[in-house]
């Protein structure tokens, strides 16, 4: 037996930092939302972070810098290491539909070191949602200084809607992601240790 590396240390580091960061961002963001709701509901106070609007904003901005640093590191490493190319591409509408149907029929095999087309689409999609979340967040934070970006978003009010729906999309991804881990729990240890034991003659590829 040998240990096959499935998730390199930068992936694991960024993943677990993101877990904590997203909890802080979402909870403080819900507190900010509650101060001026754009829909006919608010989030329970116990699910917010900061205690009051000033505290919500302070937490949101503080955690934002950690999110930005972590995201920038992950994107740069993913691009220059070739990780994105190996793990997230290629995929086509046909392959996504094929794997989606197989998943509904519980016929989709799971390989710890290889994403299926649906997973590839989801990961690329959540990266794009993250970019949209950042741009809309900057528009809300500095609407005067970044008036051009606000205009690109369609105005301050539209930027708030974009920010909310981008956040909701990422939360939906998290729910699906956690559900998949619960359905295939063997994927969790490798995200902690980086690898798993495999037969010596295994031909599975290793992500460098």
Protein backbone atom coordinates (compact mmCIF):
# COMPACT_ATOMS: atom_id res chain seq x y z
CA UNK A 1 0.00 0.00 0.00
CA UNK A 2 1.08 3.57 -0.63
CA UNK A 3 -0.44 6.93 0.13
CA UNK A 4 -1.82 8.70 -2.93
CA UNK A 5 -2.02 12.45 -2.67
CA UNK A 6 -5.48 13.63 -3.68
CA UNK A 7 -5.62 17.19 -2.36
CA UNK A 8 -2.37 19.22 -2.27
CA UNK A 9 -1.75 21.31 0.85
CA UNK A 10 -2.77 24.65 -0.78
CA UNK A 11 -6.21 23.20 -1.58
CA UNK A 12 -6.67 21.89 1.95
CA UNK A 13 -5.42 25.09 3.57
CA UNK A 14 -7.69 27.34 1.48
CA UNK A 15 -10.64 25.00 1.91
CA UNK A 16 -10.57 25.05 5.73
CA UNK A 17 -9.82 28.77 5.93
CA UNK A 18 -12.83 29.31 3.67
CA UNK A 19 -15.04 27.30 6.00
CA UNK A 20 -14.35 29.73 8.85
CA UNK A 21 -14.32 32.81 6.63
CA UNK A 22 -17.64 32.03 4.95
CA UNK A 23 -19.31 31.47 8.32
CA UNK A 24 -18.14 34.92 9.43
CA UNK A 25 -19.02 36.59 6.13
CA UNK A 26 -22.51 35.09 5.92
CA UNK A 27 -23.46 35.71 9.56
CA UNK A 28 -22.21 39.30 9.56
CA UNK A 29 -23.77 39.83 6.11
CA UNK A 30 -27.14 38.68 7.40
CA UNK A 31 -26.87 41.22 10.18
CA UNK A 32 -26.20 43.98 7.66
CA UNK A 33 -29.10 42.78 5.52
CA UNK A 34 -31.45 42.89 8.53
CA UNK A 35 -30.76 46.61 8.99
CA UNK A 36 -32.26 47.33 5.55
CA UNK A 37 -33.98 44.24 4.08
CA UNK A 38 -34.51 44.06 0.33
CA UNK A 39 -37.11 41.32 0.69
CA UNK A 40 -40.01 40.78 3.07
CA UNK A 41 -38.05 38.79 5.62
CA UNK A 42 -35.08 39.06 7.98
CA UNK A 43 -32.70 36.52 9.42
CA UNK A 44 -32.96 35.45 13.09
CA UNK A 45 -30.73 37.58 15.29
CA UNK A 46 -29.03 34.47 16.68
CA UNK A 47 -27.72 33.64 13.17
CA UNK A 48 -25.99 37.02 12.79
CA UNK A 49 -22.55 38.16 13.92
CA UNK A 50 -21.75 41.54 15.46
CA UNK A 51 -24.74 42.29 17.67
CA UNK A 52 -25.66 45.57 15.95
CA UNK A 53 -25.17 47.21 12.54
CA UNK A 54 -21.79 48.75 13.40
CA UNK A 55 -20.58 45.43 14.74
CA UNK A 56 -21.95 43.58 11.72
CA UNK A 57 -20.08 45.89 9.35
CA UNK A 58 -16.86 45.69 11.39
CA UNK A 59 -16.90 41.89 11.32
CA UNK A 60 -17.82 41.81 7.62
CA UNK A 61 -14.94 44.08 6.61
CA UNK A 62 -12.43 42.35 8.88
CA UNK A 63 -13.25 38.89 7.55
CA UNK A 64 -13.41 40.27 4.01
CA UNK A 65 -9.64 40.87 3.95
CA UNK A 66 -8.93 37.29 5.00
CA UNK A 67 -11.32 36.06 2.32
CA UNK A 68 -9.62 38.26 -0.29
CA UNK A 69 -6.12 37.07 0.65
CA UNK A 70 -7.18 33.43 0.75
CA UNK A 71 -9.06 33.70 -2.55
CA UNK A 72 -6.20 35.49 -4.31
CA UNK A 73 -3.70 32.88 -3.13
CA UNK A 74 -5.96 30.03 -4.27
CA UNK A 75 -6.64 31.52 -7.70
CA UNK A 76 -2.98 32.34 -8.38
CA UNK A 77 -1.82 28.93 -7.21
CA UNK A 78 -4.62 27.20 -9.15
CA UNK A 79 -3.72 28.98 -12.38
CA UNK A 80 0.08 28.75 -12.23
CA UNK A 81 0.23 25.20 -10.85
CA UNK A 82 -2.17 23.92 -13.50
CA UNK A 83 -4.55 22.67 -10.81
CA UNK A 84 -7.58 24.37 -12.40
CA UNK A 85 -6.81 22.88 -15.81
CA UNK A 86 -6.34 19.36 -14.44
CA UNK A 87 -9.32 19.32 -12.08
CA UNK A 88 -11.97 21.62 -13.58
CA UNK A 89 -11.59 21.12 -17.34
CA UNK A 90 -12.65 20.01 -19.82
CA UNK A 91 -16.42 19.61 -19.64
CA UNK A 92 -19.21 20.11 -22.16
CA UNK A 93 -22.99 20.56 -21.92
CA UNK A 94 -23.35 16.98 -23.18
CA UNK A 95 -21.02 15.55 -20.52
CA UNK A 96 -22.73 17.57 -17.78
CA UNK A 97 -26.16 16.30 -18.83
CA UNK A 98 -24.89 12.72 -19.09
CA UNK A 99 -23.36 12.77 -15.60
CA UNK A 100 -26.37 14.58 -14.16
CA UNK A 101 -28.75 11.88 -15.42
CA UNK A 102 -26.45 9.15 -14.11
CA UNK A 103 -26.31 10.88 -10.74
CA UNK A 104 -30.13 10.93 -10.56
CA UNK A 105 -30.12 7.21 -11.29
CA UNK A 106 -27.37 6.61 -8.70
CA UNK A 107 -25.17 5.20 -11.44
CA UNK A 108 -22.46 7.84 -11.29
CA UNK A 109 -19.20 6.37 -10.00
CA UNK A 110 -17.12 8.50 -7.66
CA UNK A 111 -13.35 8.78 -8.01
CA UNK A 112 -11.57 10.64 -5.22
CA UNK A 113 -8.95 12.10 -7.54
CA UNK A 114 -11.21 12.97 -10.48
CA UNK A 115 -14.26 15.23 -10.71
CA UNK A 116 -17.20 14.35 -12.90
CA UNK A 117 -18.63 16.91 -15.33
CA UNK A 118 -21.32 18.09 -12.90
CA UNK A 119 -18.71 18.71 -10.19
CA UNK A 120 -16.49 20.58 -12.65
CA UNK A 121 -19.39 22.83 -13.62
CA UNK A 122 -20.24 23.48 -9.97
CA UNK A 123 -16.68 24.38 -9.01
CA UNK A 124 -16.22 26.71 -11.96
CA UNK A 125 -19.63 28.21 -11.23
CA UNK A 126 -18.86 28.87 -7.56
CA UNK A 127 -15.59 30.57 -8.53
CA UNK A 128 -17.52 32.88 -10.88
CA UNK A 129 -20.10 33.53 -8.15
CA UNK A 130 -17.26 34.40 -5.80
CA UNK A 131 -15.97 36.97 -8.29
CA UNK A 132 -19.47 38.42 -8.67
CA UNK A 133 -19.82 38.53 -4.89
CA UNK A 134 -16.59 40.49 -4.55
CA UNK A 135 -17.43 42.98 -7.30
CA UNK A 136 -20.96 43.61 -6.02
CA UNK A 137 -19.65 43.86 -2.45
CA UNK A 138 -17.12 46.51 -3.47
CA UNK A 139 -19.91 48.41 -5.22
CA UNK A 140 -21.97 48.45 -2.02
CA UNK A 141 -18.98 49.29 0.21
CA UNK A 142 -17.57 52.17 -1.86
CA UNK A 143 -20.36 53.36 -4.17
CA UNK A 144 -18.88 56.86 -4.65
CA UNK A 145 -15.24 55.88 -5.12
CA UNK A 146 -16.22 52.96 -7.37
CA UNK A 147 -19.05 54.66 -9.20
CA UNK A 148 -18.02 53.07 -12.51
CA UNK A 149 -18.33 49.61 -11.01
CA UNK A 150 -21.68 50.55 -9.48
CA UNK A 151 -22.88 51.69 -12.91
CA UNK A 152 -21.69 48.41 -14.41
CA UNK A 153 -23.78 46.58 -11.81
CA UNK A 154 -26.83 48.60 -12.83
CA UNK A 155 -26.86 50.91 -9.83
CA UNK A 156 -26.51 50.62 -6.06
CA UNK A 157 -29.86 48.90 -5.52
CA UNK A 158 -29.23 46.32 -8.23
CA UNK A 159 -25.76 45.69 -6.77
CA UNK A 160 -27.42 44.75 -3.48
CA UNK A 161 -29.64 42.23 -5.26
CA UNK A 162 -26.64 40.84 -7.15
CA UNK A 163 -24.72 40.52 -3.89
CA UNK A 164 -27.62 38.73 -2.20
CA UNK A 165 -28.21 36.26 -5.02
CA UNK A 166 -24.49 35.57 -5.47
CA UNK A 167 -24.30 34.81 -1.75
CA UNK A 168 -27.38 32.60 -2.04
CA UNK A 169 -25.82 30.72 -4.95
CA UNK A 170 -22.67 30.05 -2.94
CA UNK A 171 -24.76 28.89 0.02
CA UNK A 172 -26.64 26.51 -2.29
CA UNK A 173 -23.28 25.14 -3.46
CA UNK A 174 -22.27 24.63 0.18
CA UNK A 175 -25.48 22.74 0.93
CA UNK A 176 -24.97 20.44 -2.07
CA UNK A 177 -21.29 20.03 -1.22
CA UNK A 178 -22.03 19.01 2.38
CA UNK A 179 -24.80 16.67 1.21
CA UNK A 180 -22.36 14.94 -1.15
CA UNK A 181 -19.83 14.53 1.65
CA UNK A 182 -22.51 12.95 3.82
CA UNK A 183 -23.46 10.60 0.98
CA UNK A 184 -19.80 9.75 0.24
CA UNK A 185 -18.05 10.23 3.63
CA UNK A 186 -14.82 8.61 2.43
CA UNK A 187 -14.01 11.89 0.65
CA UNK A 188 -13.62 13.81 3.92
CA UNK A 189 -10.39 12.26 5.35
CA UNK A 190 -8.43 13.11 2.20
CA UNK A 191 -9.38 16.79 2.59
CA UNK A 192 -7.79 16.64 6.05
CA UNK A 193 -4.74 14.45 5.45
CA UNK A 194 -4.28 15.07 1.74
CA UNK A 195 -4.33 11.45 0.61
CA UNK A 196 -5.50 7.92 1.10
CA UNK A 197 -4.00 4.45 1.06
CA UNK A 198 -4.14 2.70 -2.31
CA UNK A 199 -2.64 -0.51 -3.72
CA UNK A 200 0.94 -0.10 -4.92
CA UNK A 201 0.03 -1.07 -8.48
CA UNK A 202 -2.82 1.47 -8.65
CA UNK A 203 -2.85 3.43 -11.88
CA UNK A 204 -4.81 6.35 -10.50
CA UNK A 205 -3.39 9.75 -11.26
CA UNK A 206 -2.07 11.98 -8.52
CA UNK A 207 -2.74 15.71 -8.39
CA UNK A 208 0.54 17.56 -8.00
